[in-house]
Amino acid sequence: MSQDTEKTGTNESSQNFALQKEDKEASSIKEIIVTGTPFGIVVTDRESEENCFVALGNKRLTPLITREQANEAIKGKDWDLIVQLCMHIMEHKETIDKINQATRTTGMPE
């Protein structure tokens, strides 16, 4: 994963999480953007990569798993992740449609 990028932030207890810029230095949370996919791996403890989960945007998709399991789920095209991705797209269809319409009209999303 040499091309994957990392960022840090805070974690909320719900299925949604948000990485806050102002908390980057103090946080034990690390998000790894997996290059070539829409997914990220969120590591909840910098000292150990045993507590991770797969995320899409700010949506948590898996329970806590190891970083290796998260990589396997993403790179192996795990069907549970694909279903979660489809559900996410359906949930945000209206926003996606607005962006697509704006892109067709102006050439740039709003």
PDB file of N, CA and C in Angstrom:
ATOM      1  N   MET A   1       0.820  -1.195   0.000  1.00  0.00           N
ATOM      2  CA  MET A   1       0.000   0.000   0.000  1.00  0.00           C
ATOM      3  C   MET A   1       0.863   1.257   0.000  1.00  0.00           C
ATOM      4  N   SER A   2       1.933   1.237  -0.711  1.00  0.00           N
ATOM      5  CA  SER A   2       2.856   2.361  -0.687  1.00  0.00           C
ATOM      6  C   SER A   2       2.253   3.635  -1.257  1.00  0.00           C
ATOM      7  N   GLN A   3       1.261   3.537  -2.137  1.00  0.00           N
ATOM      8  CA  GLN A   3       0.663   4.723  -2.726  1.00  0.00           C
ATOM      9  C   GLN A   3      -0.558   5.200  -1.961  1.00  0.00           C
ATOM     10  N   ASP A   4      -1.011   4.426  -0.980  1.00  0.00           N
ATOM     11  CA  ASP A   4      -2.165   4.834  -0.204  1.00  0.00           C
ATOM     12  C   ASP A   4      -1.787   6.038   0.649  1.00  0.00           C
ATOM     13  N   THR A   5      -2.757   6.899   0.938  1.00  0.00           N
ATOM     14  CA  THR A   5      -2.477   8.094   1.717  1.00  0.00           C
ATOM     15  C   THR A   5      -3.149   7.993   3.070  1.00  0.00           C
ATOM     16  N   GLU A   6      -2.568   8.675   4.047  1.00  0.00           N
ATOM     17  CA  GLU A   6      -3.088   8.618   5.405  1.00  0.00           C
ATOM     18  C   GLU A   6      -3.471   9.998   5.884  1.00  0.00           C
ATOM     19  N   LYS A   7      -4.507  10.050   6.737  1.00  0.00           N
ATOM     20  CA  LYS A   7      -4.853  11.275   7.446  1.00  0.00           C
ATOM     21  C   LYS A   7      -5.382  10.882   8.810  1.00  0.00           C
ATOM     22  N   THR A   8      -5.378  11.817   9.746  1.00  0.00           N
ATOM     23  CA  THR A   8      -5.781  11.512  11.111  1.00  0.00           C
ATOM     24  C   THR A   8      -6.956  12.357  11.528  1.00  0.00           C
ATOM     25  N   GLY A   9      -7.577  11.972  12.645  1.00  0.00           N
ATOM     26  CA  GLY A   9      -8.719  12.740  13.141  1.00  0.00           C
ATOM     27  C   GLY A   9      -9.386  12.058  14.310  1.00  0.00           C
ATOM     28  N   THR A  10     -10.642  12.413  14.577  1.00  0.00           N
ATOM     29  CA  THR A  10     -11.384  11.869  15.705  1.00  0.00           C
ATOM     30  C   THR A  10     -12.390  10.847  15.230  1.00  0.00           C
ATOM     31  N   ASN A  11     -12.928  10.061  16.168  1.00  0.00           N
ATOM     32  CA  ASN A  11     -13.898   9.035  15.845  1.00  0.00           C
ATOM     33  C   ASN A  11     -15.139   9.216  16.686  1.00  0.00           C
ATOM     34  N   GLU A  12     -16.304   9.143  16.052  1.00  0.00           N
ATOM     35  CA  GLU A  12     -17.564   9.160  16.765  1.00  0.00           C
ATOM     36  C   GLU A  12     -17.972   7.715  17.017  1.00  0.00           C
ATOM     37  N   SER A  13     -18.848   7.485  17.993  1.00  0.00           N
ATOM     38  CA  SER A  13     -19.220   6.122  18.349  1.00  0.00           C
ATOM     39  C   SER A  13     -20.229   5.506  17.391  1.00  0.00           C
ATOM     40  N   SER A  14     -20.869   6.271  16.556  1.00  0.00           N
ATOM     41  CA  SER A  14     -21.881   5.745  15.642  1.00  0.00           C
ATOM     42  C   SER A  14     -21.239   5.132  14.412  1.00  0.00           C
ATOM     43  N   GLN A  15     -22.072   4.691  13.474  1.00  0.00           N
ATOM     44  CA  GLN A  15     -21.585   4.155  12.217  1.00  0.00           C
ATOM     45  C   GLN A  15     -20.936   5.229  11.363  1.00  0.00           C
ATOM     46  N   ASN A  16     -21.265   6.475  11.609  1.00  0.00           N
ATOM     47  CA  ASN A  16     -20.630   7.574  10.888  1.00  0.00           C
ATOM     48  C   ASN A  16     -19.449   8.066  11.699  1.00  0.00           C
ATOM     49  N   PHE A  17     -18.408   8.480  11.021  1.00  0.00           N
ATOM     50  CA  PHE A  17     -17.266   9.063  11.697  1.00  0.00           C
ATOM     51  C   PHE A  17     -16.807  10.252  10.883  1.00  0.00           C
ATOM     52  N   ALA A  18     -16.080  11.148  11.521  1.00  0.00           N
ATOM     53  CA  ALA A  18     -15.586  12.325  10.806  1.00  0.00           C
ATOM     54  C   ALA A  18     -14.159  12.598  11.258  1.00  0.00           C
ATOM     55  N   LEU A  19     -13.309  12.899  10.308  1.00  0.00           N
ATOM     56  CA  LEU A  19     -11.931  13.258  10.627  1.00  0.00           C
ATOM     57  C   LEU A  19     -11.844  14.776  10.662  1.00  0.00           C
ATOM     58  N   GLN A  20     -11.463  15.318  11.811  1.00  0.00           N
ATOM     59  CA  GLN A  20     -11.426  16.755  12.022  1.00  0.00           C
ATOM     60  C   GLN A  20      -9.990  17.262  11.898  1.00  0.00           C
ATOM     61  N   LYS A  21      -9.766  18.285  11.078  1.00  0.00           N
ATOM     62  CA  LYS A  21      -8.430  18.823  10.845  1.00  0.00           C
ATOM     63  C   LYS A  21      -7.777  19.312  12.136  1.00  0.00           C
ATOM     64  N   GLU A  22      -8.541  19.967  13.008  1.00  0.00           N
ATOM     65  CA  GLU A  22      -7.950  20.550  14.210  1.00  0.00           C
ATOM     66  C   GLU A  22      -7.479  19.506  15.218  1.00  0.00           C
ATOM     67  N   ASP A  23      -7.927  18.264  15.091  1.00  0.00           N
ATOM     68  CA  ASP A  23      -7.564  17.221  16.043  1.00  0.00           C
ATOM     69  C   ASP A  23      -6.505  16.259  15.513  1.00  0.00           C
ATOM     70  N   LYS A  24      -5.929  16.541  14.364  1.00  0.00           N
ATOM     71  CA  LYS A  24      -4.989  15.616  13.731  1.00  0.00           C
ATOM     72  C   LYS A  24      -3.826  15.227  14.633  1.00  0.00           C
ATOM     73  N   GLU A  25      -3.234  16.196  15.306  1.00  0.00           N
ATOM     74  CA  GLU A  25      -2.032  15.914  16.083  1.00  0.00           C
ATOM     75  C   GLU A  25      -2.324  15.070  17.327  1.00  0.00           C
ATOM     76  N   ALA A  26      -3.450  15.293  17.992  1.00  0.00           N
ATOM     77  CA  ALA A  26      -3.745  14.640  19.258  1.00  0.00           C
ATOM     78  C   ALA A  26      -4.428  13.284  19.090  1.00  0.00           C
ATOM     79  N   SER A  27      -4.890  12.972  17.931  1.00  0.00           N
ATOM     80  CA  SER A  27      -5.728  11.797  17.731  1.00  0.00           C
ATOM     81  C   SER A  27      -4.934  10.507  17.596  1.00  0.00           C
ATOM     82  N   SER A  28      -5.585   9.416  17.998  1.00  0.00           N
ATOM     83  CA  SER A  28      -5.007   8.103  17.762  1.00  0.00           C
ATOM     84  C   SER A  28      -5.649   7.447  16.544  1.00  0.00           C
ATOM     85  N   ILE A  29      -6.521   8.177  15.854  1.00  0.00           N
ATOM     86  CA  ILE A  29      -7.210   7.668  14.668  1.00  0.00           C
ATOM     87  C   ILE A  29      -6.377   7.983  13.423  1.00  0.00           C
ATOM     88  N   LYS A  30      -6.309   7.001  12.522  1.00  0.00           N
ATOM     89  CA  LYS A  30      -5.597   7.202  11.266  1.00  0.00           C
ATOM     90  C   LYS A  30      -6.461   6.621  10.152  1.00  0.00           C
ATOM     91  N   GLU A  31      -6.687   7.387   9.087  1.00  0.00           N
ATOM     92  CA  GLU A  31      -7.430   6.880   7.943  1.00  0.00           C
ATOM     93  C   GLU A  31      -6.475   6.693   6.790  1.00  0.00           C
ATOM     94  N   ILE A  32      -6.539   5.528   6.185  1.00  0.00           N
ATOM     95  CA  ILE A  32      -5.705   5.209   5.037  1.00  0.00           C
ATOM     96  C   ILE A  32      -6.628   5.137   3.819  1.00  0.00           C
ATOM     97  N   ILE A  33      -6.421   6.028   2.871  1.00  0.00           N
ATOM     98  CA  ILE A  33      -7.202   6.025   1.640  1.00  0.00           C
ATOM     99  C   ILE A  33      -6.598   4.968   0.724  1.00  0.00           C
ATOM    100  N   VAL A  34      -7.381   3.989   0.343  1.00  0.00           N
ATOM    101  CA  VAL A  34      -6.872   2.893  -0.478  1.00  0.00           C
ATOM    102  C   VAL A  34      -6.942   3.310  -1.943  1.00  0.00           C
ATOM    103  N   THR A  35      -5.793   3.543  -2.535  1.00  0.00           N
ATOM    104  CA  THR A  35      -5.675   4.014  -3.912  1.00  0.00           C
ATOM    105  C   THR A  35      -6.370   3.053  -4.875  1.00  0.00           C
ATOM    106  N   GLY A  36      -7.117   3.634  -5.809  1.00  0.00           N
ATOM    107  CA  GLY A  36      -7.794   2.833  -6.814  1.00  0.00           C
ATOM    108  C   GLY A  36      -9.138   2.291  -6.364  1.00  0.00           C
ATOM    109  N   THR A  37      -9.583   2.685  -5.160  1.00  0.00           N
ATOM    110  CA  THR A  37     -10.879   2.240  -4.642  1.00  0.00           C
ATOM    111  C   THR A  37     -11.595   3.435  -4.016  1.00  0.00           C
ATOM    112  N   PRO A  38     -12.901   3.308  -3.783  1.00  0.00           N
ATOM    113  CA  PRO A  38     -13.600   4.387  -3.073  1.00  0.00           C
ATOM    114  C   PRO A  38     -13.507   4.240  -1.555  1.00  0.00           C
ATOM    115  N   PHE A  39     -12.765   3.259  -1.076  1.00  0.00           N
ATOM    116  CA  PHE A  39     -12.742   2.915   0.344  1.00  0.00           C
ATOM    117  C   PHE A  39     -11.520   3.450   1.078  1.00  0.00           C
ATOM    118  N   GLY A  40     -11.667   3.563   2.372  1.00  0.00           N
ATOM    119  CA  GLY A  40     -10.562   3.889   3.262  1.00  0.00           C
ATOM    120  C   GLY A  40     -10.547   2.884   4.392  1.00  0.00           C
ATOM    121  N   ILE A  41      -9.393   2.751   5.027  1.00  0.00           N
ATOM    122  CA  ILE A  41      -9.272   1.919   6.226  1.00  0.00           C
ATOM    123  C   ILE A  41      -9.001   2.866   7.380  1.00  0.00           C
ATOM    124  N   VAL A  42      -9.824   2.787   8.402  1.00  0.00           N
ATOM    125  CA  VAL A  42      -9.646   3.627   9.581  1.00  0.00           C
ATOM    126  C   VAL A  42      -9.031   2.767  10.668  1.00  0.00           C
ATOM    127  N   VAL A  43      -7.851   3.191  11.130  1.00  0.00           N
ATOM    128  CA  VAL A  43      -7.144   2.503  12.200  1.00  0.00           C
ATOM    129  C   VAL A  43      -7.467   3.264  13.478  1.00  0.00           C
ATOM    130  N   THR A  44      -8.088   2.598  14.442  1.00  0.00           N
ATOM    131  CA  THR A  44      -8.540   3.289  15.649  1.00  0.00           C
ATOM    132  C   THR A  44      -7.491   3.371  16.746  1.00  0.00           C
ATOM    133  N   ASP A  45      -6.375   2.676  16.570  1.00  0.00           N
ATOM    134  CA  ASP A  45      -5.303   2.700  17.570  1.00  0.00           C
ATOM    135  C   ASP A  45      -3.967   2.665  16.845  1.00  0.00           C
ATOM    136  N   ARG A  46      -3.215   3.768  16.925  1.00  0.00           N
ATOM    137  CA  ARG A  46      -1.934   3.852  16.202  1.00  0.00           C
ATOM    138  C   ARG A  46      -0.900   2.849  16.696  1.00  0.00           C
ATOM    139  N   GLU A  47      -1.032   2.393  17.935  1.00  0.00           N
ATOM    140  CA  GLU A  47      -0.063   1.457  18.498  1.00  0.00           C
ATOM    141  C   GLU A  47      -0.276   0.036  17.966  1.00  0.00           C
ATOM    142  N   SER A  48      -1.492  -0.266  17.550  1.00  0.00           N
ATOM    143  CA  SER A  48      -1.822  -1.593  17.069  1.00  0.00           C
ATOM    144  C   SER A  48      -2.751  -1.460  15.870  1.00  0.00           C
ATOM    145  N   GLU A  49      -2.535  -2.252  14.872  1.00  0.00           N
ATOM    146  CA  GLU A  49      -3.397  -2.207  13.697  1.00  0.00           C
ATOM    147  C   GLU A  49      -4.428  -3.327  13.756  1.00  0.00           C
ATOM    148  N   GLU A  50      -4.772  -3.748  14.978  1.00  0.00           N
ATOM    149  CA  GLU A  50      -5.756  -4.798  15.171  1.00  0.00           C
ATOM    150  C   GLU A  50      -7.177  -4.248  15.156  1.00  0.00           C
ATOM    151  N   ASN A  51      -7.361  -2.963  15.454  1.00  0.00           N
ATOM    152  CA  ASN A  51      -8.691  -2.367  15.528  1.00  0.00           C
ATOM    153  C   ASN A  51      -8.889  -1.393  14.375  1.00  0.00           C
ATOM    154  N   CYS A  52      -9.369  -1.922  13.264  1.00  0.00           N
ATOM    155  CA  CYS A  52      -9.586  -1.132  12.058  1.00  0.00           C
ATOM    156  C   CYS A  52     -10.999  -1.381  11.551  1.00  0.00           C
ATOM    157  N   PHE A  53     -11.449  -0.509  10.669  1.00  0.00           N
ATOM    158  CA  PHE A  53     -12.680  -0.784   9.941  1.00  0.00           C
ATOM    159  C   PHE A  53     -12.594  -0.145   8.567  1.00  0.00           C
ATOM    160  N   VAL A  54     -13.397  -0.653   7.641  1.00  0.00           N
ATOM    161  CA  VAL A  54     -13.455  -0.127   6.289  1.00  0.00           C
ATOM    162  C   VAL A  54     -14.515   0.961   6.266  1.00  0.00           C
ATOM    163  N   ALA A  55     -14.209   2.070   5.594  1.00  0.00           N
ATOM    164  CA  ALA A  55     -15.139   3.192   5.511  1.00  0.00           C
ATOM    165  C   ALA A  55     -15.283   3.647   4.067  1.00  0.00           C
ATOM    166  N   LEU A  56     -16.423   4.277   3.813  1.00  0.00           N
ATOM    167  CA  LEU A  56     -16.697   4.924   2.535  1.00  0.00           C
ATOM    168  C   LEU A  56     -17.165   6.322   2.878  1.00  0.00           C
ATOM    169  N   GLY A  57     -16.343   7.321   2.555  1.00  0.00           N
ATOM    170  CA  GLY A  57     -16.661   8.680   2.995  1.00  0.00           C
ATOM    171  C   GLY A  57     -16.637   8.711   4.514  1.00  0.00           C
ATOM    172  N   ASN A  58     -17.737   9.162   5.125  1.00  0.00           N
ATOM    173  CA  ASN A  58     -17.786   9.170   6.588  1.00  0.00           C
ATOM    174  C   ASN A  58     -18.644   8.031   7.124  1.00  0.00           C
ATOM    175  N   LYS A  59     -18.883   7.012   6.309  1.00  0.00           N
ATOM    176  CA  LYS A  59     -19.731   5.881   6.689  1.00  0.00           C
ATOM    177  C   LYS A  59     -18.897   4.647   7.000  1.00  0.00           C
ATOM    178  N   ARG A  60     -19.049   4.132   8.202  1.00  0.00           N
ATOM    179  CA  ARG A  60     -18.366   2.907   8.601  1.00  0.00           C
ATOM    180  C   ARG A  60     -19.089   1.714   7.993  1.00  0.00           C
ATOM    181  N   LEU A  61     -18.348   0.817   7.315  1.00  0.00           N
ATOM    182  CA  LEU A  61     -18.954  -0.297   6.606  1.00  0.00           C
ATOM    183  C   LEU A  61     -18.757  -1.650   7.272  1.00  0.00           C
ATOM    184  N   THR A  62     -17.748  -1.784   8.127  1.00  0.00           N
ATOM    185  CA  THR A  62     -17.465  -3.081   8.740  1.00  0.00           C
ATOM    186  C   THR A  62     -17.342  -2.940  10.254  1.00  0.00           C
ATOM    187  N   PRO A  63     -17.459  -4.056  10.961  1.00  0.00           N
ATOM    188  CA  PRO A  63     -17.123  -4.031  12.385  1.00  0.00           C
ATOM    189  C   PRO A  63     -15.604  -3.914  12.523  1.00  0.00           C
ATOM    190  N   LEU A  64     -15.094  -3.845  13.744  1.00  0.00           N
ATOM    191  CA  LEU A  64     -13.648  -3.784  13.949  1.00  0.00           C
ATOM    192  C   LEU A  64     -13.009  -5.086  13.476  1.00  0.00           C
ATOM    193  N   ILE A  65     -11.994  -4.935  12.633  1.00  0.00           N
ATOM    194  CA  ILE A  65     -11.233  -6.053  12.089  1.00  0.00           C
ATOM    195  C   ILE A  65      -9.770  -5.633  12.047  1.00  0.00           C
ATOM    196  N   THR A  66      -8.885  -6.542  11.663  1.00  0.00           N
ATOM    197  CA  THR A  66      -7.473  -6.182  11.549  1.00  0.00           C
ATOM    198  C   THR A  66      -7.251  -5.425  10.238  1.00  0.00           C
ATOM    199  N   ARG A  67      -6.128  -4.730  10.158  1.00  0.00           N
ATOM    200  CA  ARG A  67      -5.804  -4.003   8.921  1.00  0.00           C
ATOM    201  C   ARG A  67      -5.655  -4.979   7.758  1.00  0.00           C
ATOM    202  N   GLU A  68      -5.077  -6.135   8.023  1.00  0.00           N
ATOM    203  CA  GLU A  68      -4.918  -7.145   6.975  1.00  0.00           C
ATOM    204  C   GLU A  68      -6.287  -7.613   6.465  1.00  0.00           C
ATOM    205  N   GLN A  69      -7.235  -7.842   7.380  1.00  0.00           N
ATOM    206  CA  GLN A  69      -8.578  -8.247   6.970  1.00  0.00           C
ATOM    207  C   GLN A  69      -9.262  -7.139   6.169  1.00  0.00           C
ATOM    208  N   ALA A  70      -9.054  -5.888   6.574  1.00  0.00           N
ATOM    209  CA  ALA A  70      -9.641  -4.755   5.851  1.00  0.00           C
ATOM    210  C   ALA A  70      -9.064  -4.685   4.435  1.00  0.00           C
ATOM    211  N   ASN A  71      -7.754  -4.839   4.313  1.00  0.00           N
ATOM    212  CA  ASN A  71      -7.124  -4.849   2.988  1.00  0.00           C
ATOM    213  C   ASN A  71      -7.669  -5.975   2.124  1.00  0.00           C
ATOM    214  N   GLU A  72      -7.806  -7.162   2.718  1.00  0.00           N
ATOM    215  CA  GLU A  72      -8.326  -8.306   1.975  1.00  0.00           C
ATOM    216  C   GLU A  72      -9.759  -8.049   1.517  1.00  0.00           C
ATOM    217  N   ALA A  73     -10.568  -7.447   2.384  1.00  0.00           N
ATOM    218  CA  ALA A  73     -11.960  -7.160   2.028  1.00  0.00           C
ATOM    219  C   ALA A  73     -12.026  -6.194   0.846  1.00  0.00           C
ATOM    220  N   ILE A  74     -11.155  -5.182   0.857  1.00  0.00           N
ATOM    221  CA  ILE A  74     -11.163  -4.182  -0.221  1.00  0.00           C
ATOM    222  C   ILE A  74     -10.548  -4.745  -1.491  1.00  0.00           C
ATOM    223  N   LYS A  75      -9.355  -5.255  -1.395  1.00  0.00           N
ATOM    224  CA  LYS A  75      -8.645  -5.748  -2.579  1.00  0.00           C
ATOM    225  C   LYS A  75      -9.292  -6.999  -3.155  1.00  0.00           C
ATOM    226  N   GLY A  76      -9.928  -7.803  -2.297  1.00  0.00           N
ATOM    227  CA  GLY A  76     -10.577  -9.028  -2.749  1.00  0.00           C
ATOM    228  C   GLY A  76     -11.995  -8.805  -3.227  1.00  0.00           C
ATOM    229  N   LYS A  77     -12.419  -7.543  -3.238  1.00  0.00           N
ATOM    230  CA  LYS A  77     -13.772  -7.182  -3.679  1.00  0.00           C
ATOM    231  C   LYS A  77     -14.823  -7.976  -2.909  1.00  0.00           C
ATOM    232  N   ASP A  78     -14.755  -7.868  -1.591  1.00  0.00           N
ATOM    233  CA  ASP A  78     -15.676  -8.533  -0.675  1.00  0.00           C
ATOM    234  C   ASP A  78     -17.123  -8.136  -0.991  1.00  0.00           C
ATOM    235  N   TRP A  79     -18.008  -9.112  -1.136  1.00  0.00           N
ATOM    236  CA  TRP A  79     -19.390  -8.838  -1.510  1.00  0.00           C
ATOM    237  C   TRP A  79     -20.121  -8.005  -0.468  1.00  0.00           C
ATOM    238  N   ASP A  80     -19.793  -8.182   0.805  1.00  0.00           N
ATOM    239  CA  ASP A  80     -20.426  -7.351   1.837  1.00  0.00           C
ATOM    240  C   ASP A  80     -20.111  -5.876   1.594  1.00  0.00           C
ATOM    241  N   LEU A  81     -18.861  -5.572   1.224  1.00  0.00           N
ATOM    242  CA  LEU A  81     -18.487  -4.182   0.936  1.00  0.00           C
ATOM    243  C   LEU A  81     -19.199  -3.672  -0.315  1.00  0.00           C
ATOM    244  N   ILE A  82     -19.328  -4.525  -1.307  1.00  0.00           N
ATOM    245  CA  ILE A  82     -19.997  -4.109  -2.538  1.00  0.00           C
ATOM    246  C   ILE A  82     -21.461  -3.782  -2.250  1.00  0.00           C
ATOM    247  N   VAL A  83     -22.111  -4.606  -1.435  1.00  0.00           N
ATOM    248  CA  VAL A  83     -23.501  -4.342  -1.061  1.00  0.00           C
ATOM    249  C   VAL A  83     -23.589  -3.034  -0.278  1.00  0.00           C
ATOM    250  N   GLN A  84     -22.668  -2.819   0.664  1.00  0.00           N
ATOM    251  CA  GLN A  84     -22.654  -1.571   1.434  1.00  0.00           C
ATOM    252  C   GLN A  84     -22.452  -0.370   0.509  1.00  0.00           C
ATOM    253  N   LEU A  85     -21.573  -0.508  -0.483  1.00  0.00           N
ATOM    254  CA  LEU A  85     -21.336   0.560  -1.448  1.00  0.00           C
ATOM    255  C   LEU A  85     -22.619   0.869  -2.222  1.00  0.00           C
ATOM    256  N   CYS A  86     -23.302  -0.170  -2.672  1.00  0.00           N
ATOM    257  CA  CYS A  86     -24.568   0.034  -3.398  1.00  0.00           C
ATOM    258  C   CYS A  86     -25.599   0.719  -2.512  1.00  0.00           C
ATOM    259  N   MET A  87     -25.688   0.314  -1.255  1.00  0.00           N
ATOM    260  CA  MET A  87     -26.636   0.944  -0.328  1.00  0.00           C
ATOM    261  C   MET A  87     -26.289   2.413  -0.123  1.00  0.00           C
ATOM    262  N   HIS A  88     -24.999   2.718  -0.025  1.00  0.00           N
ATOM    263  CA  HIS A  88     -24.541   4.102   0.136  1.00  0.00           C
ATOM    264  C   HIS A  88     -24.943   4.929  -1.082  1.00  0.00           C
ATOM    265  N   ILE A  89     -24.747   4.382  -2.261  1.00  0.00           N
ATOM    266  CA  ILE A  89     -25.107   5.095  -3.496  1.00  0.00           C
ATOM    267  C   ILE A  89     -26.609   5.329  -3.549  1.00  0.00           C
ATOM    268  N   MET A  90     -27.395   4.317  -3.206  1.00  0.00           N
ATOM    269  CA  MET A  90     -28.852   4.483  -3.219  1.00  0.00           C
ATOM    270  C   MET A  90     -29.299   5.520  -2.194  1.00  0.00           C
ATOM    271  N   GLU A  91     -28.655   5.516  -1.040  1.00  0.00           N
ATOM    272  CA  GLU A  91     -28.975   6.463   0.029  1.00  0.00           C
ATOM    273  C   GLU A  91     -28.692   7.902  -0.391  1.00  0.00           C
ATOM    274  N   HIS A  92     -27.671   8.094  -1.222  1.00  0.00           N
ATOM    275  CA  HIS A  92     -27.249   9.432  -1.638  1.00  0.00           C
ATOM    276  C   HIS A  92     -27.558   9.710  -3.111  1.00  0.00           C
ATOM    277  N   LYS A  93     -28.512   8.978  -3.675  1.00  0.00           N
ATOM    278  CA  LYS A  93     -28.840   9.096  -5.097  1.00  0.00           C
ATOM    279  C   LYS A  93     -29.231  10.516  -5.487  1.00  0.00           C
ATOM    280  N   GLU A  94     -30.013  11.176  -4.667  1.00  0.00           N
ATOM    281  CA  GLU A  94     -30.460  12.534  -4.990  1.00  0.00           C
ATOM    282  C   GLU A  94     -29.274  13.493  -5.116  1.00  0.00           C
ATOM    283  N   THR A  95     -28.338  13.414  -4.195  1.00  0.00           N
ATOM    284  CA  THR A  95     -27.145  14.265  -4.244  1.00  0.00           C
ATOM    285  C   THR A  95     -26.294  13.927  -5.464  1.00  0.00           C
ATOM    286  N   ILE A  96     -26.135  12.638  -5.737  1.00  0.00           N
ATOM    287  CA  ILE A  96     -25.349  12.208  -6.892  1.00  0.00           C
ATOM    288  C   ILE A  96     -25.994  12.713  -8.181  1.00  0.00           C
ATOM    289  N   ASP A  97     -27.316  12.614  -8.269  1.00  0.00           N
ATOM    290  CA  ASP A  97     -28.026  13.105  -9.455  1.00  0.00           C
ATOM    291  C   ASP A  97     -27.829  14.608  -9.644  1.00  0.00           C
ATOM    292  N   LYS A  98     -27.874  15.376  -8.544  1.00  0.00           N
ATOM    293  CA  LYS A  98     -27.664  16.829  -8.627  1.00  0.00           C
ATOM    294  C   LYS A  98     -26.263  17.147  -9.140  1.00  0.00           C
ATOM    295  N   ILE A  99     -25.274  16.425  -8.643  1.00  0.00           N
ATOM    296  CA  ILE A  99     -23.890  16.644  -9.081  1.00  0.00           C
ATOM    297  C   ILE A  99     -23.745  16.284 -10.559  1.00  0.00           C
ATOM    298  N   ASN A 100     -24.327  15.164 -10.952  1.00  0.00           N
ATOM    299  CA  ASN A 100     -24.267  14.759 -12.365  1.00  0.00           C
ATOM    300  C   ASN A 100     -24.938  15.791 -13.263  1.00  0.00           C
ATOM    301  N   GLN A 101     -26.103  16.304 -12.850  1.00  0.00           N
ATOM    302  CA  GLN A 101     -26.817  17.307 -13.638  1.00  0.00           C
ATOM    303  C   GLN A 101     -25.993  18.586 -13.748  1.00  0.00           C
ATOM    304  N   ALA A 102     -25.405  19.019 -12.640  1.00  0.00           N
ATOM    305  CA  ALA A 102     -24.581  20.228 -12.654  1.00  0.00           C
ATOM    306  C   ALA A 102     -23.361  20.044 -13.550  1.00  0.00           C
ATOM    307  N   THR A 103     -22.785  18.865 -13.533  1.00  0.00           N
ATOM    308  CA  THR A 103     -21.630  18.573 -14.373  1.00  0.00           C
ATOM    309  C   THR A 103     -22.006  18.612 -15.848  1.00  0.00           C
ATOM    310  N   ARG A 104     -23.155  18.044 -16.186  1.00  0.00           N
ATOM    311  CA  ARG A 104     -23.608  18.078 -17.579  1.00  0.00           C
ATOM    312  C   ARG A 104     -23.923  19.494 -18.042  1.00  0.00           C
ATOM    313  N   THR A 105     -24.465  20.307 -17.134  1.00  0.00           N
ATOM    314  CA  THR A 105     -24.882  21.663 -17.474  1.00  0.00           C
ATOM    315  C   THR A 105     -23.696  22.625 -17.541  1.00  0.00           C
ATOM    316  N   THR A 106     -22.845  22.604 -16.534  1.00  0.00           N
ATOM    317  CA  THR A 106     -21.773  23.589 -16.440  1.00  0.00           C
ATOM    318  C   THR A 106     -20.382  23.015 -16.680  1.00  0.00           C
ATOM    319  N   GLY A 107     -20.269  21.712 -16.672  1.00  0.00           N
ATOM    320  CA  GLY A 107     -18.961  21.097 -16.825  1.00  0.00           C
ATOM    321  C   GLY A 107     -18.228  20.940 -15.513  1.00  0.00           C
ATOM    322  N   MET A 108     -18.809  21.466 -14.425  1.00  0.00           N
ATOM    323  CA  MET A 108     -18.193  21.358 -13.102  1.00  0.00           C
ATOM    324  C   MET A 108     -19.270  21.089 -12.064  1.00  0.00           C
ATOM    325  N   PRO A 109     -18.982  20.251 -11.045  1.00  0.00           N
ATOM    326  CA  PRO A 109     -19.960  20.040  -9.987  1.00  0.00           C
ATOM    327  C   PRO A 109     -20.099  21.285  -9.126  1.00  0.00           C
ATOM    328  N   GLU A 110     -21.280  21.421  -8.490  1.00  0.00           N
ATOM    329  CA  GLU A 110     -21.534  22.580  -7.617  1.00  0.00           C
ATOM    330  C   GLU A 110     -20.757  22.478  -6.340  1.00  0.00           C
TER     331      GLU A 110
END
